[in-house]
C-alpha atoms as a PDB file:
ATOM      1  CA  UNK A   1       0.000   0.000   0.000  1.00  0.00           C
ATOM      2  CA  UNK A   2       1.712   3.140  -1.169  1.00  0.00           C
ATOM      3  CA  UNK A   3       1.372   6.620   0.231  1.00  0.00           C
ATOM      4  CA  UNK A   4       0.003   7.712  -3.127  1.00  0.00           C
ATOM      5  CA  UNK A   5      -2.848   5.186  -2.888  1.00  0.00           C
ATOM      6  CA  UNK A   6      -3.763   6.376   0.611  1.00  0.00           C
ATOM      7  CA  UNK A   7      -3.615  10.017  -0.562  1.00  0.00           C
ATOM      8  CA  UNK A   8      -5.889   9.277  -3.526  1.00  0.00           C
ATOM      9  CA  UNK A   9      -8.277   7.516  -1.145  1.00  0.00           C
ATOM     10  CA  UNK A  10      -8.669  10.761   0.769  1.00  0.00           C
ATOM     11  CA  UNK A  11      -8.995  12.816  -2.423  1.00  0.00           C
ATOM     12  CA  UNK A  12     -11.698  10.566  -3.875  1.00  0.00           C
ATOM     13  CA  UNK A  13     -13.575  10.469  -0.571  1.00  0.00           C
ATOM     14  CA  UNK A  14     -13.647  14.263  -0.425  1.00  0.00           C
ATOM     15  CA  UNK A  15     -14.656  14.409  -4.093  1.00  0.00           C
ATOM     16  CA  UNK A  16     -17.699  12.289  -3.272  1.00  0.00           C
ATOM     17  CA  UNK A  17     -18.570  14.586  -0.371  1.00  0.00           C
ATOM     18  CA  UNK A  18     -18.216  17.711  -2.514  1.00  0.00           C
ATOM     19  CA  UNK A  19     -20.359  16.263  -5.316  1.00  0.00           C
ATOM     20  CA  UNK A  20     -23.060  15.267  -2.815  1.00  0.00           C
ATOM     21  CA  UNK A  21     -23.076  18.740  -1.249  1.00  0.00           C
ATOM     22  CA  UNK A  22     -23.271  20.433  -4.652  1.00  0.00           C
ATOM     23  CA  UNK A  23     -26.159  18.218  -5.678  1.00  0.00           C
ATOM     24  CA  UNK A  24     -28.036  18.926  -2.440  1.00  0.00           C
ATOM     25  CA  UNK A  25     -27.481  22.652  -2.953  1.00  0.00           C
ATOM     26  CA  UNK A  26     -28.729  22.393  -6.552  1.00  0.00           C
ATOM     27  CA  UNK A  27     -31.863  20.603  -5.363  1.00  0.00           C
ATOM     28  CA  UNK A  28     -32.620  23.282  -2.775  1.00  0.00           C
ATOM     29  CA  UNK A  29     -31.960  26.074  -5.259  1.00  0.00           C
ATOM     30  CA  UNK A  30     -34.204  24.447  -7.862  1.00  0.00           C
ATOM     31  CA  UNK A  31     -37.060  24.445  -5.362  1.00  0.00           C
ATOM     32  CA  UNK A  32     -36.372  28.090  -4.528  1.00  0.00           C
ATOM     33  CA  UNK A  33     -36.351  28.942  -8.238  1.00  0.00           C
ATOM     34  CA  UNK A  34     -39.685  27.202  -8.713  1.00  0.00           C
ATOM     35  CA  UNK A  35     -41.195  29.187  -5.854  1.00  0.00           C
ATOM     36  CA  UNK A  36     -39.886  32.438  -7.349  1.00  0.00           C
ATOM     37  CA  UNK A  37     -41.218  31.506 -10.788  1.00  0.00           C
ATOM     38  CA  UNK A  38     -44.616  30.670  -9.328  1.00  0.00           C
ATOM     39  CA  UNK A  39     -44.930  33.993  -7.493  1.00  0.00           C
ATOM     40  CA  UNK A  40     -44.736  36.211 -10.566  1.00  0.00           C
ATOM     41  CA  UNK A  41     -45.056  35.476 -14.289  1.00  0.00           C
ATOM     42  CA  UNK A  42     -42.219  37.898 -15.038  1.00  0.00           C
ATOM     43  CA  UNK A  43     -39.894  35.480 -13.211  1.00  0.00           C
ATOM     44  CA  UNK A  44     -40.790  32.476 -15.384  1.00  0.00           C
ATOM     45  CA  UNK A  45     -37.143  32.072 -16.399  1.00  0.00           C
ATOM     46  CA  UNK A  46     -36.415  30.777 -12.901  1.00  0.00           C
ATOM     47  CA  UNK A  47     -38.612  27.767 -13.663  1.00  0.00           C
ATOM     48  CA  UNK A  48     -36.450  26.950 -16.660  1.00  0.00           C
ATOM     49  CA  UNK A  49     -33.338  27.341 -14.533  1.00  0.00           C
ATOM     50  CA  UNK A  50     -34.819  24.848 -12.072  1.00  0.00           C
ATOM     51  CA  UNK A  51     -35.256  22.384 -14.939  1.00  0.00           C
ATOM     52  CA  UNK A  52     -31.627  22.876 -15.961  1.00  0.00           C
ATOM     53  CA  UNK A  53     -30.561  22.134 -12.389  1.00  0.00           C
ATOM     54  CA  UNK A  54     -32.647  18.948 -12.388  1.00  0.00           C
ATOM     55  CA  UNK A  55     -30.917  17.808 -15.580  1.00  0.00           C
ATOM     56  CA  UNK A  56     -27.578  18.486 -13.873  1.00  0.00           C
ATOM     57  CA  UNK A  57     -28.666  16.498 -10.838  1.00  0.00           C
ATOM     58  CA  UNK A  58     -29.813  13.606 -13.030  1.00  0.00           C
ATOM     59  CA  UNK A  59     -26.457  13.622 -14.827  1.00  0.00           C
ATOM     60  CA  UNK A  60     -24.565  13.838 -11.536  1.00  0.00           C
ATOM     61  CA  UNK A  61     -26.235  10.891  -9.803  1.00  0.00           C
ATOM     62  CA  UNK A  62     -24.277   8.200 -11.703  1.00  0.00           C
ATOM     63  CA  UNK A  63     -21.062  10.128 -11.083  1.00  0.00           C
ATOM     64  CA  UNK A  64     -21.836  10.359  -7.380  1.00  0.00           C
ATOM     65  CA  UNK A  65     -22.593   6.649  -7.191  1.00  0.00           C
ATOM     66  CA  UNK A  66     -19.383   5.703  -8.999  1.00  0.00           C
ATOM     67  CA  UNK A  67     -17.179   7.977  -6.902  1.00  0.00           C
ATOM     68  CA  UNK A  68     -18.822   6.858  -3.658  1.00  0.00           C
ATOM     69  CA  UNK A  69     -18.386   3.164  -4.434  1.00  0.00           C
ATOM     70  CA  UNK A  70     -14.751   3.696  -5.425  1.00  0.00           C
ATOM     71  CA  UNK A  71     -14.032   5.696  -2.272  1.00  0.00           C
ATOM     72  CA  UNK A  72     -15.743   3.096  -0.082  1.00  0.00           C
ATOM     73  CA  UNK A  73     -13.719   0.247  -1.592  1.00  0.00           C
ATOM     74  CA  UNK A  74     -10.441   2.144  -1.380  1.00  0.00           C
ATOM     75  CA  UNK A  75     -11.060   3.089   2.256  1.00  0.00           C
ATOM     76  CA  UNK A  76     -11.899  -0.535   3.070  1.00  0.00           C
ATOM     77  CA  UNK A  77      -8.630  -1.720   1.491  1.00  0.00           C
ATOM     78  CA  UNK A  78      -6.603   0.861   3.414  1.00  0.00           C
ATOM     79  CA  UNK A  79      -8.299  -0.112   6.700  1.00  0.00           C
ATOM     80  CA  UNK A  80      -7.735  -3.828   6.116  1.00  0.00           C
ATOM     81  CA  UNK A  81      -4.114  -3.209   5.188  1.00  0.00           C
ATOM     82  CA  UNK A  82      -3.572  -1.147   8.345  1.00  0.00           C
ATOM     83  CA  UNK A  83      -5.280  -3.734  10.570  1.00  0.00           C
ATOM     84  CA  UNK A  84      -3.002  -6.441   9.204  1.00  0.00           C
ATOM     85  CA  UNK A  85      -0.092  -4.679  10.895  1.00  0.00           C
ATOM     86  CA  UNK A  86       1.592  -3.486   7.745  1.00  0.00           C
ATOM     87  CA  UNK A  87       3.771  -0.425   7.885  1.00  0.00           C
ATOM     88  CA  UNK A  88       3.709   2.470   5.460  1.00  0.00           C
ATOM     89  CA  UNK A  89       6.233   2.612   2.643  1.00  0.00           C
END
């Protein structure tokens, strides 16, 4: 287990966290945009922006799943390697 592998484990884990936070923020903002669009017909463009955010969320879900599974597996390997009493290179 190299130091580079352990470093990339941390990077990929944080990438999954950042993607999840961005997607949650996009979901909240899309709801806010829909409320704004519903309040006044002059703000109808916000409804279209909400739809664009939903498309982004739909495209991001497979990415989030892939990154999360990779991070989980890498973290499991690092933990098992550390529990086996191995020392760092």
